[in-house]
C-alpha atoms as a PDB file:
ATOM      1  CA  UNK A   1      -3.870   4.710   0.069  1.00  0.00           C
ATOM      2  CA  UNK A   2      -7.659   4.378  -0.043  1.00  0.00           C
ATOM      3  CA  UNK A   3      -9.745   5.523   2.919  1.00  0.00           C
ATOM      4  CA  UNK A   4     -12.407   3.565   4.795  1.00  0.00           C
ATOM      5  CA  UNK A   5     -15.238   5.484   6.471  1.00  0.00           C
ATOM      6  CA  UNK A   6     -17.973   3.927   8.582  1.00  0.00           C
ATOM      7  CA  UNK A   7     -21.266   5.794   8.628  1.00  0.00           C
ATOM      8  CA  UNK A   8     -22.066   5.017  12.259  1.00  0.00           C
ATOM      9  CA  UNK A   9     -25.238   7.089  12.505  1.00  0.00           C
ATOM     10  CA  UNK A  10     -27.790   4.751  14.095  1.00  0.00           C
ATOM     11  CA  UNK A  11     -25.376   1.811  14.331  1.00  0.00           C
ATOM     12  CA  UNK A  12     -24.725  -0.196  17.517  1.00  0.00           C
ATOM     13  CA  UNK A  13     -21.498   0.115  19.478  1.00  0.00           C
ATOM     14  CA  UNK A  14     -20.370  -3.357  18.341  1.00  0.00           C
ATOM     15  CA  UNK A  15     -20.225  -2.214  14.705  1.00  0.00           C
ATOM     16  CA  UNK A  16     -18.217   0.864  15.604  1.00  0.00           C
ATOM     17  CA  UNK A  17     -15.788  -1.123  17.749  1.00  0.00           C
ATOM     18  CA  UNK A  18     -15.309  -3.667  14.958  1.00  0.00           C
ATOM     19  CA  UNK A  19     -14.567  -0.876  12.480  1.00  0.00           C
ATOM     20  CA  UNK A  20     -11.980   0.679  14.795  1.00  0.00           C
ATOM     21  CA  UNK A  21     -10.319  -2.706  15.349  1.00  0.00           C
ATOM     22  CA  UNK A  22     -10.283  -3.222  11.559  1.00  0.00           C
ATOM     23  CA  UNK A  23      -8.381   0.022  10.910  1.00  0.00           C
ATOM     24  CA  UNK A  24     -11.176   2.373   9.827  1.00  0.00           C
ATOM     25  CA  UNK A  25      -9.935   5.882   8.886  1.00  0.00           C
ATOM     26  CA  UNK A  26     -13.009   7.882   9.912  1.00  0.00           C
ATOM     27  CA  UNK A  27     -16.229   7.394  11.844  1.00  0.00           C
ATOM     28  CA  UNK A  28     -19.146   9.519  10.591  1.00  0.00           C
ATOM     29  CA  UNK A  29     -21.367  10.360  13.559  1.00  0.00           C
ATOM     30  CA  UNK A  30     -23.697  13.045  14.936  1.00  0.00           C
ATOM     31  CA  UNK A  31     -21.667  15.668  16.820  1.00  0.00           C
ATOM     32  CA  UNK A  32     -23.554  15.088  20.081  1.00  0.00           C
ATOM     33  CA  UNK A  33     -22.282  11.490  20.120  1.00  0.00           C
ATOM     34  CA  UNK A  34     -18.616  12.349  19.556  1.00  0.00           C
ATOM     35  CA  UNK A  35     -17.570  11.803  23.169  1.00  0.00           C
ATOM     36  CA  UNK A  36     -19.097   8.313  23.185  1.00  0.00           C
ATOM     37  CA  UNK A  37     -17.033   7.320  20.148  1.00  0.00           C
ATOM     38  CA  UNK A  38     -13.822   8.778  21.570  1.00  0.00           C
ATOM     39  CA  UNK A  39     -14.105   6.381  24.509  1.00  0.00           C
ATOM     40  CA  UNK A  40     -13.983   3.382  22.146  1.00  0.00           C
ATOM     41  CA  UNK A  41     -10.586   4.142  20.595  1.00  0.00           C
ATOM     42  CA  UNK A  42      -8.378   6.753  18.962  1.00  0.00           C
ATOM     43  CA  UNK A  43      -9.995   7.410  15.583  1.00  0.00           C
ATOM     44  CA  UNK A  44     -10.712  10.433  13.386  1.00  0.00           C
ATOM     45  CA  UNK A  45     -14.320  11.634  13.362  1.00  0.00           C
ATOM     46  CA  UNK A  46     -16.498  13.278  10.728  1.00  0.00           C
ATOM     47  CA  UNK A  47     -19.147  15.118  12.715  1.00  0.00           C
ATOM     48  CA  UNK A  48     -22.603  16.032  11.453  1.00  0.00           C
ATOM     49  CA  UNK A  49     -24.314  19.054  12.984  1.00  0.00           C
ATOM     50  CA  UNK A  50     -28.066  19.554  13.346  1.00  0.00           C
ATOM     51  CA  UNK A  51     -28.261  21.211   9.898  1.00  0.00           C
ATOM     52  CA  UNK A  52     -26.599  18.206   8.279  1.00  0.00           C
ATOM     53  CA  UNK A  53     -23.230  19.872   7.655  1.00  0.00           C
ATOM     54  CA  UNK A  54     -20.091  17.734   7.959  1.00  0.00           C
ATOM     55  CA  UNK A  55     -16.653  18.529   9.332  1.00  0.00           C
ATOM     56  CA  UNK A  56     -13.246  17.715   7.787  1.00  0.00           C
ATOM     57  CA  UNK A  57     -14.292  19.319   4.446  1.00  0.00           C
ATOM     58  CA  UNK A  58     -16.677  16.460   3.647  1.00  0.00           C
ATOM     59  CA  UNK A  59     -19.991  16.969   1.868  1.00  0.00           C
ATOM     60  CA  UNK A  60     -22.657  14.478   0.775  1.00  0.00           C
ATOM     61  CA  UNK A  61     -24.191  14.908  -2.670  1.00  0.00           C
ATOM     62  CA  UNK A  62     -27.125  12.791  -3.801  1.00  0.00           C
ATOM     63  CA  UNK A  63     -26.935  12.126  -7.543  1.00  0.00           C
ATOM     64  CA  UNK A  64     -30.364  12.061  -9.159  1.00  0.00           C
ATOM     65  CA  UNK A  65     -29.652  13.905 -12.416  1.00  0.00           C
ATOM     66  CA  UNK A  66     -26.889  15.529 -14.492  1.00  0.00           C
ATOM     67  CA  UNK A  67     -27.129  18.786 -12.528  1.00  0.00           C
ATOM     68  CA  UNK A  68     -26.360  16.918  -9.294  1.00  0.00           C
ATOM     69  CA  UNK A  69     -23.372  15.307 -10.983  1.00  0.00           C
ATOM     70  CA  UNK A  70     -22.060  18.715 -12.090  1.00  0.00           C
ATOM     71  CA  UNK A  71     -22.549  20.068  -8.560  1.00  0.00           C
ATOM     72  CA  UNK A  72     -20.530  17.165  -7.117  1.00  0.00           C
ATOM     73  CA  UNK A  73     -17.764  17.685  -9.680  1.00  0.00           C
ATOM     74  CA  UNK A  74     -17.501  21.415  -8.927  1.00  0.00           C
ATOM     75  CA  UNK A  75     -17.352  20.806  -5.180  1.00  0.00           C
ATOM     76  CA  UNK A  76     -14.630  18.184  -5.631  1.00  0.00           C
ATOM     77  CA  UNK A  77     -12.597  20.502  -7.854  1.00  0.00           C
ATOM     78  CA  UNK A  78     -12.839  23.207  -5.169  1.00  0.00           C
ATOM     79  CA  UNK A  79     -11.160  20.867  -2.675  1.00  0.00           C
ATOM     80  CA  UNK A  80     -14.171  19.417  -0.931  1.00  0.00           C
ATOM     81  CA  UNK A  81     -14.233  15.682  -0.189  1.00  0.00           C
ATOM     82  CA  UNK A  82     -17.423  14.613  -1.923  1.00  0.00           C
ATOM     83  CA  UNK A  83     -19.358  11.586  -0.679  1.00  0.00           C
ATOM     84  CA  UNK A  84     -21.501  10.464  -3.594  1.00  0.00           C
ATOM     85  CA  UNK A  85     -24.887   8.896  -2.967  1.00  0.00           C
ATOM     86  CA  UNK A  86     -26.745   7.446  -5.943  1.00  0.00           C
ATOM     87  CA  UNK A  87     -30.434   6.557  -5.948  1.00  0.00           C
ATOM     88  CA  UNK A  88     -29.623   3.147  -7.422  1.00  0.00           C
ATOM     89  CA  UNK A  89     -25.965   2.192  -7.133  1.00  0.00           C
ATOM     90  CA  UNK A  90     -24.426   2.782 -10.550  1.00  0.00           C
ATOM     91  CA  UNK A  91     -20.898   3.116 -11.889  1.00  0.00           C
ATOM     92  CA  UNK A  92     -21.362   5.740 -14.615  1.00  0.00           C
ATOM     93  CA  UNK A  93     -21.699   8.834 -12.342  1.00  0.00           C
ATOM     94  CA  UNK A  94     -18.642   7.713 -10.382  1.00  0.00           C
ATOM     95  CA  UNK A  95     -16.639   7.243 -13.591  1.00  0.00           C
ATOM     96  CA  UNK A  96     -17.484  10.769 -14.697  1.00  0.00           C
ATOM     97  CA  UNK A  97     -16.587  12.254 -11.308  1.00  0.00           C
ATOM     98  CA  UNK A  98     -13.372  10.282 -10.799  1.00  0.00           C
ATOM     99  CA  UNK A  99     -12.191  11.435 -14.221  1.00  0.00           C
ATOM    100  CA  UNK A 100     -12.528  15.056 -13.054  1.00  0.00           C
ATOM    101  CA  UNK A 101     -11.228  14.934  -9.463  1.00  0.00           C
ATOM    102  CA  UNK A 102      -9.498  12.619  -6.985  1.00  0.00           C
ATOM    103  CA  UNK A 103     -11.731  13.828  -4.118  1.00  0.00           C
ATOM    104  CA  UNK A 104     -14.580  11.371  -4.669  1.00  0.00           C
ATOM    105  CA  UNK A 105     -15.946   8.919  -2.090  1.00  0.00           C
ATOM    106  CA  UNK A 106     -18.720   6.415  -2.741  1.00  0.00           C
ATOM    107  CA  UNK A 107     -21.404   5.121  -0.390  1.00  0.00           C
ATOM    108  CA  UNK A 108     -21.454   1.306  -0.444  1.00  0.00           C
ATOM    109  CA  UNK A 109     -23.528  -1.320   1.304  1.00  0.00           C
ATOM    110  CA  UNK A 110     -21.137  -4.283   1.154  1.00  0.00           C
ATOM    111  CA  UNK A 111     -17.666  -5.556   0.235  1.00  0.00           C
ATOM    112  CA  UNK A 112     -18.615  -6.276  -3.381  1.00  0.00           C
ATOM    113  CA  UNK A 113     -19.603  -2.658  -4.013  1.00  0.00           C
ATOM    114  CA  UNK A 114     -16.468  -1.474  -2.191  1.00  0.00           C
ATOM    115  CA  UNK A 115     -14.251  -3.622  -4.433  1.00  0.00           C
ATOM    116  CA  UNK A 116     -15.955  -2.259  -7.544  1.00  0.00           C
ATOM    117  CA  UNK A 117     -15.599   1.348  -6.343  1.00  0.00           C
ATOM    118  CA  UNK A 118     -11.848   1.161  -5.759  1.00  0.00           C
ATOM    119  CA  UNK A 119     -11.323  -0.351  -9.218  1.00  0.00           C
ATOM    120  CA  UNK A 120     -13.304   2.126 -11.345  1.00  0.00           C
ATOM    121  CA  UNK A 121     -11.140   3.603 -14.132  1.00  0.00           C
ATOM    122  CA  UNK A 122      -8.206   1.728 -12.544  1.00  0.00           C
ATOM    123  CA  UNK A 123      -7.500   4.501 -10.014  1.00  0.00           C
ATOM    124  CA  UNK A 124     -10.871   4.209  -8.249  1.00  0.00           C
ATOM    125  CA  UNK A 125     -12.520   6.430  -5.644  1.00  0.00           C
ATOM    126  CA  UNK A 126     -10.496   8.034  -2.877  1.00  0.00           C
ATOM    127  CA  UNK A 127     -12.454   6.072  -0.316  1.00  0.00           C
ATOM    128  CA  UNK A 128     -15.692   4.306   0.526  1.00  0.00           C
ATOM    129  CA  UNK A 129     -18.393   5.049   3.082  1.00  0.00           C
ATOM    130  CA  UNK A 130     -19.992   1.905   4.491  1.00  0.00           C
ATOM    131  CA  UNK A 131     -23.172   1.737   6.533  1.00  0.00           C
ATOM    132  CA  UNK A 132     -23.957  -1.698   7.921  1.00  0.00           C
ATOM    133  CA  UNK A 133     -24.176  -3.420  11.285  1.00  0.00           C
ATOM    134  CA  UNK A 134     -22.932  -6.677   9.740  1.00  0.00           C
ATOM    135  CA  UNK A 135     -19.619  -7.208  11.528  1.00  0.00           C
ATOM    136  CA  UNK A 136     -18.267  -9.630   8.913  1.00  0.00           C
ATOM    137  CA  UNK A 137     -19.048  -7.162   6.120  1.00  0.00           C
ATOM    138  CA  UNK A 138     -17.183  -4.414   8.000  1.00  0.00           C
ATOM    139  CA  UNK A 139     -14.131  -6.671   8.248  1.00  0.00           C
ATOM    140  CA  UNK A 140     -14.341  -7.621   4.566  1.00  0.00           C
ATOM    141  CA  UNK A 141     -14.493  -3.995   3.444  1.00  0.00           C
ATOM    142  CA  UNK A 142     -11.585  -3.095   5.727  1.00  0.00           C
ATOM    143  CA  UNK A 143      -9.491  -5.851   4.175  1.00  0.00           C
ATOM    144  CA  UNK A 144     -10.253  -4.643   0.653  1.00  0.00           C
ATOM    145  CA  UNK A 145      -9.519  -1.008   1.422  1.00  0.00           C
ATOM    146  CA  UNK A 146      -6.600  -1.305   3.844  1.00  0.00           C
ATOM    147  CA  UNK A 147      -4.669  -4.303   2.550  1.00  0.00           C
ATOM    148  CA  UNK A 148      -5.219  -5.062  -1.141  1.00  0.00           C
ATOM    149  CA  UNK A 149      -3.940  -1.735  -2.413  1.00  0.00           C
ATOM    150  CA  UNK A 150      -1.741  -2.268  -5.458  1.00  0.00           C
ATOM    151  CA  UNK A 151      -1.003  -4.649  -8.299  1.00  0.00           C
ATOM    152  CA  UNK A 152       2.325  -4.579 -10.156  1.00  0.00           C
ATOM    153  CA  UNK A 153       3.452  -6.509 -13.193  1.00  0.00           C
ATOM    154  CA  UNK A 154       6.403  -8.448 -11.871  1.00  0.00           C
ATOM    155  CA  UNK A 155       9.038  -9.740 -14.307  1.00  0.00           C
ATOM    156  CA  UNK A 156      11.303 -12.777 -14.497  1.00  0.00           C
ATOM    157  CA  UNK A 157      14.819 -11.356 -14.611  1.00  0.00           C
ATOM    158  CA  UNK A 158      17.968 -13.355 -15.329  1.00  0.00           C
ATOM    159  CA  UNK A 159      20.898 -12.938 -12.932  1.00  0.00           C
ATOM    160  CA  UNK A 160      23.977 -11.693 -14.822  1.00  0.00           C
ATOM    161  CA  UNK A 161      26.390 -10.738 -12.034  1.00  0.00           C
ATOM    162  CA  UNK A 162      26.979 -11.487  -8.346  1.00  0.00           C
ATOM    163  CA  UNK A 163      29.848  -9.574  -6.779  1.00  0.00           C
ATOM    164  CA  UNK A 164      31.049  -8.995  -3.187  1.00  0.00           C
ATOM    165  CA  UNK A 165      31.342  -5.238  -2.531  1.00  0.00           C
ATOM    166  CA  UNK A 166      32.921  -5.128   0.930  1.00  0.00           C
ATOM    167  CA  UNK A 167      31.356  -3.781   4.090  1.00  0.00           C
ATOM    168  CA  UNK A 168      28.306  -1.544   4.081  1.00  0.00           C
ATOM    169  CA  UNK A 169      25.411  -0.313   6.177  1.00  0.00           C
ATOM    170  CA  UNK A 170      22.282  -2.398   5.664  1.00  0.00           C
ATOM    171  CA  UNK A 171      18.717  -1.963   6.887  1.00  0.00           C
ATOM    172  CA  UNK A 172      16.683  -4.776   8.441  1.00  0.00           C
ATOM    173  CA  UNK A 173      13.028  -3.691   8.380  1.00  0.00           C
ATOM    174  CA  UNK A 174      10.897  -5.152  11.179  1.00  0.00           C
ATOM    175  CA  UNK A 175       7.226  -4.636  10.349  1.00  0.00           C
ATOM    176  CA  UNK A 176       4.148  -4.856  12.536  1.00  0.00           C
ATOM    177  CA  UNK A 177       2.719  -7.585  10.270  1.00  0.00           C
ATOM    178  CA  UNK A 178       3.489 -11.229   9.588  1.00  0.00           C
ATOM    179  CA  UNK A 179       4.685 -11.992   6.072  1.00  0.00           C
ATOM    180  CA  UNK A 180       3.857 -15.143   4.131  1.00  0.00           C
ATOM    181  CA  UNK A 181       6.090 -17.302   1.949  1.00  0.00           C
ATOM    182  CA  UNK A 182       6.569 -15.586  -1.392  1.00  0.00           C
ATOM    183  CA  UNK A 183       6.305 -12.044   0.070  1.00  0.00           C
ATOM    184  CA  UNK A 184       8.928  -9.385   0.547  1.00  0.00           C
ATOM    185  CA  UNK A 185      10.031  -5.846  -0.349  1.00  0.00           C
ATOM    186  CA  UNK A 186      11.053  -4.462  -3.715  1.00  0.00           C
ATOM    187  CA  UNK A 187      14.455  -2.760  -3.457  1.00  0.00           C
ATOM    188  CA  UNK A 188      16.895  -1.413  -6.002  1.00  0.00           C
ATOM    189  CA  UNK A 189      19.925   0.738  -6.674  1.00  0.00           C
ATOM    190  CA  UNK A 190      17.629   2.426  -9.198  1.00  0.00           C
ATOM    191  CA  UNK A 191      13.875   2.903  -9.114  1.00  0.00           C
ATOM    192  CA  UNK A 192      13.895   1.665 -12.722  1.00  0.00           C
ATOM    193  CA  UNK A 193      14.857  -1.885 -11.765  1.00  0.00           C
ATOM    194  CA  UNK A 194      14.056  -3.434  -8.391  1.00  0.00           C
ATOM    195  CA  UNK A 195      14.504  -6.940  -6.983  1.00  0.00           C
ATOM    196  CA  UNK A 196      12.049  -8.677  -4.643  1.00  0.00           C
ATOM    197  CA  UNK A 197      13.821  -9.499  -1.366  1.00  0.00           C
ATOM    198  CA  UNK A 198      12.024 -12.234   0.576  1.00  0.00           C
ATOM    199  CA  UNK A 199      10.890 -11.864   4.165  1.00  0.00           C
ATOM    200  CA  UNK A 200      12.629 -13.952   6.822  1.00  0.00           C
ATOM    201  CA  UNK A 201       9.823 -16.522   6.920  1.00  0.00           C
ATOM    202  CA  UNK A 202      12.090 -19.555   6.487  1.00  0.00           C
ATOM    203  CA  UNK A 203      13.604 -21.661   9.251  1.00  0.00           C
ATOM    204  CA  UNK A 204      17.381 -22.155   9.116  1.00  0.00           C
ATOM    205  CA  UNK A 205      19.920 -24.229  10.968  1.00  0.00           C
ATOM    206  CA  UNK A 206      21.579 -20.954  11.914  1.00  0.00           C
ATOM    207  CA  UNK A 207      18.661 -18.770  13.066  1.00  0.00           C
ATOM    208  CA  UNK A 208      14.942 -19.001  13.788  1.00  0.00           C
ATOM    209  CA  UNK A 209      12.496 -17.470  11.328  1.00  0.00           C
ATOM    210  CA  UNK A 210      11.506 -13.824  11.745  1.00  0.00           C
ATOM    211  CA  UNK A 211       8.363 -13.611   9.579  1.00  0.00           C
ATOM    212  CA  UNK A 212       7.849  -9.932  10.387  1.00  0.00           C
ATOM    213  CA  UNK A 213      11.275  -8.954   9.001  1.00  0.00           C
ATOM    214  CA  UNK A 214      12.792  -8.124   5.635  1.00  0.00           C
ATOM    215  CA  UNK A 215      16.565  -7.743   5.647  1.00  0.00           C
ATOM    216  CA  UNK A 216      16.209  -5.275   2.808  1.00  0.00           C
ATOM    217  CA  UNK A 217      19.766  -4.265   1.955  1.00  0.00           C
ATOM    218  CA  UNK A 218      22.008  -1.220   1.716  1.00  0.00           C
ATOM    219  CA  UNK A 219      20.902   2.137   3.104  1.00  0.00           C
ATOM    220  CA  UNK A 220      21.101   3.970  -0.232  1.00  0.00           C
ATOM    221  CA  UNK A 221      18.568   1.808  -2.067  1.00  0.00           C
ATOM    222  CA  UNK A 222      15.037   2.650  -3.081  1.00  0.00           C
ATOM    223  CA  UNK A 223      11.998   0.761  -1.847  1.00  0.00           C
ATOM    224  CA  UNK A 224       8.342   1.269  -2.673  1.00  0.00           C
ATOM    225  CA  UNK A 225       5.898   2.979  -0.321  1.00  0.00           C
ATOM    226  CA  UNK A 226       2.147   3.640  -0.866  1.00  0.00           C
ATOM    227  CA  UNK A 227       0.715   5.669  -3.748  1.00  0.00           C
ATOM    228  CA  UNK A 228       3.393   4.646  -6.228  1.00  0.00           C
ATOM    229  CA  UNK A 229       6.151   6.522  -4.386  1.00  0.00           C
ATOM    230  CA  UNK A 230       9.591   5.391  -3.269  1.00  0.00           C
ATOM    231  CA  UNK A 231      11.762   6.069  -0.224  1.00  0.00           C
ATOM    232  CA  UNK A 232      15.385   5.375   0.617  1.00  0.00           C
ATOM    233  CA  UNK A 233      15.820   2.484   3.014  1.00  0.00           C
ATOM    234  CA  UNK A 234      17.705   4.887   5.287  1.00  0.00           C
ATOM    235  CA  UNK A 235      14.497   6.945   5.652  1.00  0.00           C
ATOM    236  CA  UNK A 236      12.417   4.125   7.125  1.00  0.00           C
ATOM    237  CA  UNK A 237      11.590   4.380  10.823  1.00  0.00           C
ATOM    238  CA  UNK A 238       8.888   3.385  13.313  1.00  0.00           C
ATOM    239  CA  UNK A 239       5.396   4.228  12.102  1.00  0.00           C
ATOM    240  CA  UNK A 240       6.316   4.686   8.425  1.00  0.00           C
ATOM    241  CA  UNK A 241       4.321   2.860   5.738  1.00  0.00           C
ATOM    242  CA  UNK A 242       6.019   0.498   3.327  1.00  0.00           C
ATOM    243  CA  UNK A 243       4.745  -1.814   0.579  1.00  0.00           C
ATOM    244  CA  UNK A 244       4.970  -5.596   0.777  1.00  0.00           C
ATOM    245  CA  UNK A 245       4.521  -7.601  -2.448  1.00  0.00           C
ATOM    246  CA  UNK A 246       4.096 -11.246  -3.265  1.00  0.00           C
ATOM    247  CA  UNK A 247       5.761 -12.878  -6.268  1.00  0.00           C
ATOM    248  CA  UNK A 248       2.610 -12.272  -8.352  1.00  0.00           C
ATOM    249  CA  UNK A 249       2.792  -8.513  -7.747  1.00  0.00           C
ATOM    250  CA  UNK A 250      -0.036  -8.175  -5.228  1.00  0.00           C
ATOM    251  CA  UNK A 251       0.887  -5.368  -2.864  1.00  0.00           C
ATOM    252  CA  UNK A 252      -0.280  -4.433   0.617  1.00  0.00           C
ATOM    253  CA  UNK A 253       0.625  -1.688   3.061  1.00  0.00           C
ATOM    254  CA  UNK A 254       2.378  -2.560   6.311  1.00  0.00           C
ATOM    255  CA  UNK A 255       3.889  -0.387   9.023  1.00  0.00           C
ATOM    256  CA  UNK A 256       7.486  -0.280  10.173  1.00  0.00           C
ATOM    257  CA  UNK A 257       7.967  -1.294  13.788  1.00  0.00           C
ATOM    258  CA  UNK A 258      11.673  -0.527  13.701  1.00  0.00           C
ATOM    259  CA  UNK A 259      14.486  -0.302  11.171  1.00  0.00           C
ATOM    260  CA  UNK A 260      17.891  -1.598  12.254  1.00  0.00           C
ATOM    261  CA  UNK A 261      20.994  -0.294  10.499  1.00  0.00           C
ATOM    262  CA  UNK A 262      24.081  -2.446  10.998  1.00  0.00           C
ATOM    263  CA  UNK A 263      27.432  -2.787   9.226  1.00  0.00           C
ATOM    264  CA  UNK A 264      27.678  -6.067   7.310  1.00  0.00           C
ATOM    265  CA  UNK A 265      29.473  -7.636   4.297  1.00  0.00           C
ATOM    266  CA  UNK A 266      27.507  -6.893   1.126  1.00  0.00           C
ATOM    267  CA  UNK A 267      26.807  -8.378  -2.317  1.00  0.00           C
ATOM    268  CA  UNK A 268      25.919  -6.614  -5.549  1.00  0.00           C
ATOM    269  CA  UNK A 269      23.309  -8.611  -7.485  1.00  0.00           C
ATOM    270  CA  UNK A 270      22.549  -7.602 -11.063  1.00  0.00           C
ATOM    271  CA  UNK A 271      19.873  -9.041 -13.336  1.00  0.00           C
ATOM    272  CA  UNK A 272      18.416  -8.246 -16.757  1.00  0.00           C
ATOM    273  CA  UNK A 273      14.952  -8.275 -18.282  1.00  0.00           C
ATOM    274  CA  UNK A 274      14.497  -7.417 -21.967  1.00  0.00           C
ATOM    275  CA  UNK A 275      17.650  -5.309 -21.960  1.00  0.00           C
ATOM    276  CA  UNK A 276      16.771  -3.480 -18.721  1.00  0.00           C
ATOM    277  CA  UNK A 277      18.981  -3.778 -15.659  1.00  0.00           C
ATOM    278  CA  UNK A 278      17.789  -4.605 -12.155  1.00  0.00           C
ATOM    279  CA  UNK A 279      20.304  -4.371  -9.319  1.00  0.00           C
ATOM    280  CA  UNK A 280      20.477  -4.385  -5.544  1.00  0.00           C
ATOM    281  CA  UNK A 281      23.117  -4.428  -2.821  1.00  0.00           C
ATOM    282  CA  UNK A 282      22.155  -7.026  -0.213  1.00  0.00           C
ATOM    283  CA  UNK A 283      23.797  -8.464   2.875  1.00  0.00           C
ATOM    284  CA  UNK A 284      26.056 -11.440   2.136  1.00  0.00           C
ATOM    285  CA  UNK A 285      24.415 -14.024   4.407  1.00  0.00           C
ATOM    286  CA  UNK A 286      22.577 -17.331   4.074  1.00  0.00           C
ATOM    287  CA  UNK A 287      19.381 -15.884   5.589  1.00  0.00           C
ATOM    288  CA  UNK A 288      19.041 -13.234   2.854  1.00  0.00           C
ATOM    289  CA  UNK A 289      16.818 -14.531   0.067  1.00  0.00           C
ATOM    290  CA  UNK A 290      15.471 -13.347  -3.252  1.00  0.00           C
ATOM    291  CA  UNK A 291      12.498 -14.978  -4.988  1.00  0.00           C
ATOM    292  CA  UNK A 292      12.203 -17.448  -7.849  1.00  0.00           C
ATOM    293  CA  UNK A 293       9.346 -16.986 -10.361  1.00  0.00           C
ATOM    294  CA  UNK A 294       7.308 -19.728  -8.636  1.00  0.00           C
ATOM    295  CA  UNK A 295       7.509 -17.890  -5.308  1.00  0.00           C
ATOM    296  CA  UNK A 296      10.235 -20.085  -3.817  1.00  0.00           C
ATOM    297  CA  UNK A 297      12.862 -18.158  -1.842  1.00  0.00           C
ATOM    298  CA  UNK A 298      16.519 -18.722  -2.721  1.00  0.00           C
ATOM    299  CA  UNK A 299      19.451 -17.634  -0.544  1.00  0.00           C
ATOM    300  CA  UNK A 300      21.899 -15.159  -2.049  1.00  0.00           C
ATOM    301  CA  UNK A 301      24.737 -17.579  -1.203  1.00  0.00           C
ATOM    302  CA  UNK A 302      23.114 -20.222  -3.443  1.00  0.00           C
ATOM    303  CA  UNK A 303      22.214 -17.808  -6.244  1.00  0.00           C
ATOM    304  CA  UNK A 304      24.031 -18.344  -9.566  1.00  0.00           C
ATOM    305  CA  UNK A 305      24.457 -16.395 -12.782  1.00  0.00           C
ATOM    306  CA  UNK A 306      21.702 -17.533 -15.132  1.00  0.00           C
ATOM    307  CA  UNK A 307      19.094 -18.060 -12.396  1.00  0.00           C
ATOM    308  CA  UNK A 308      15.723 -16.331 -12.819  1.00  0.00           C
ATOM    309  CA  UNK A 309      14.426 -14.108 -10.028  1.00  0.00           C
ATOM    310  CA  UNK A 310      11.392 -11.882  -9.515  1.00  0.00           C
ATOM    311  CA  UNK A 311      11.693  -8.133  -9.983  1.00  0.00           C
ATOM    312  CA  UNK A 312      10.003  -4.993 -11.260  1.00  0.00           C
ATOM    313  CA  UNK A 313      10.966  -2.500 -13.962  1.00  0.00           C
ATOM    314  CA  UNK A 314       9.710   0.977 -14.824  1.00  0.00           C
ATOM    315  CA  UNK A 315      11.040   4.075 -16.547  1.00  0.00           C
ATOM    316  CA  UNK A 316      13.686   5.739 -14.383  1.00  0.00           C
ATOM    317  CA  UNK A 317      13.010   9.161 -12.916  1.00  0.00           C
ATOM    318  CA  UNK A 318      12.139  10.092  -9.344  1.00  0.00           C
ATOM    319  CA  UNK A 319      12.081  13.474  -7.646  1.00  0.00           C
ATOM    320  CA  UNK A 320      11.685  13.316  -3.861  1.00  0.00           C
ATOM    321  CA  UNK A 321      10.265   9.822  -4.301  1.00  0.00           C
ATOM    322  CA  UNK A 322       7.661  10.759  -6.922  1.00  0.00           C
ATOM    323  CA  UNK A 323       7.783   9.482 -10.494  1.00  0.00           C
ATOM    324  CA  UNK A 324       8.614  12.238 -12.987  1.00  0.00           C
ATOM    325  CA  UNK A 325       9.031  12.461 -16.747  1.00  0.00           C
ATOM    326  CA  UNK A 326      12.585  13.642 -17.314  1.00  0.00           C
ATOM    327  CA  UNK A 327      15.921  12.332 -18.503  1.00  0.00           C
ATOM    328  CA  UNK A 328      17.751  10.698 -15.607  1.00  0.00           C
ATOM    329  CA  UNK A 329      20.648   8.257 -15.898  1.00  0.00           C
ATOM    330  CA  UNK A 330      21.487   6.020 -12.937  1.00  0.00           C
ATOM    331  CA  UNK A 331      24.513   3.703 -13.074  1.00  0.00           C
END
């Protein structure tokens, strides 16, 4: 997950408060003003002493020539978190540094520069450092850094089997965010083939909508969490991060408010895409929905063999939730 830092040196309290309310990760401030910031909210601080040194292993390097670039690269490789300042904002030095280390942060003046920074060489900088008293710009940068975090290539998979599999323990994930139509969680019996399960955004004659909830399925299944990792649904609990995707593959991080495990009748749903299998065990209930390619939710009780649904495929192989290159067979 990318990090958002506000350089609050010389900024008014309103800018700092707005950054905290927008989910900023760090406030960069002179050490003598630390107590003032702590009164505004619980937030991590990067403190600058009178000699200009920073805490939390951060350093600022101004790039004016190739020697400065090499200095920044060496510091980043040693474990320092390097905030790069360029004399005129350019991409080339950042490309060179990002290619050598993940510990690179860029100083930006607005949301447009922030968006460019996080997209450089696809993986982008580790975070951005913004200095502005423009409250709208602070909010825009926060949205880019904290919400729009991942893009997956979703596939249209054809349903090949729907089978009741008796009673099982399923996890309903209540998040601290409201989901929109077309959004949900990717879950799967294998990390190689996952199905998008829609959030409970739809009204029903049986229950009211719960737009913060995804009834995600059986406890054993994988779901995606930030940084390309997976977790078992059984591992989710209050405060954990989980990824929400729309039917186009745009992902954002949300937080778990609670995860409810209850025993319910279950369905095995299997689908195929170009010879690859996607499968999930979901609760057998009208309120549980998967997603059609146009983003329309469809209840599992109405789903038929031959229908197309949205999913995601990758090469199998996970070790403690991290993707690995090894031979693993999951059936």
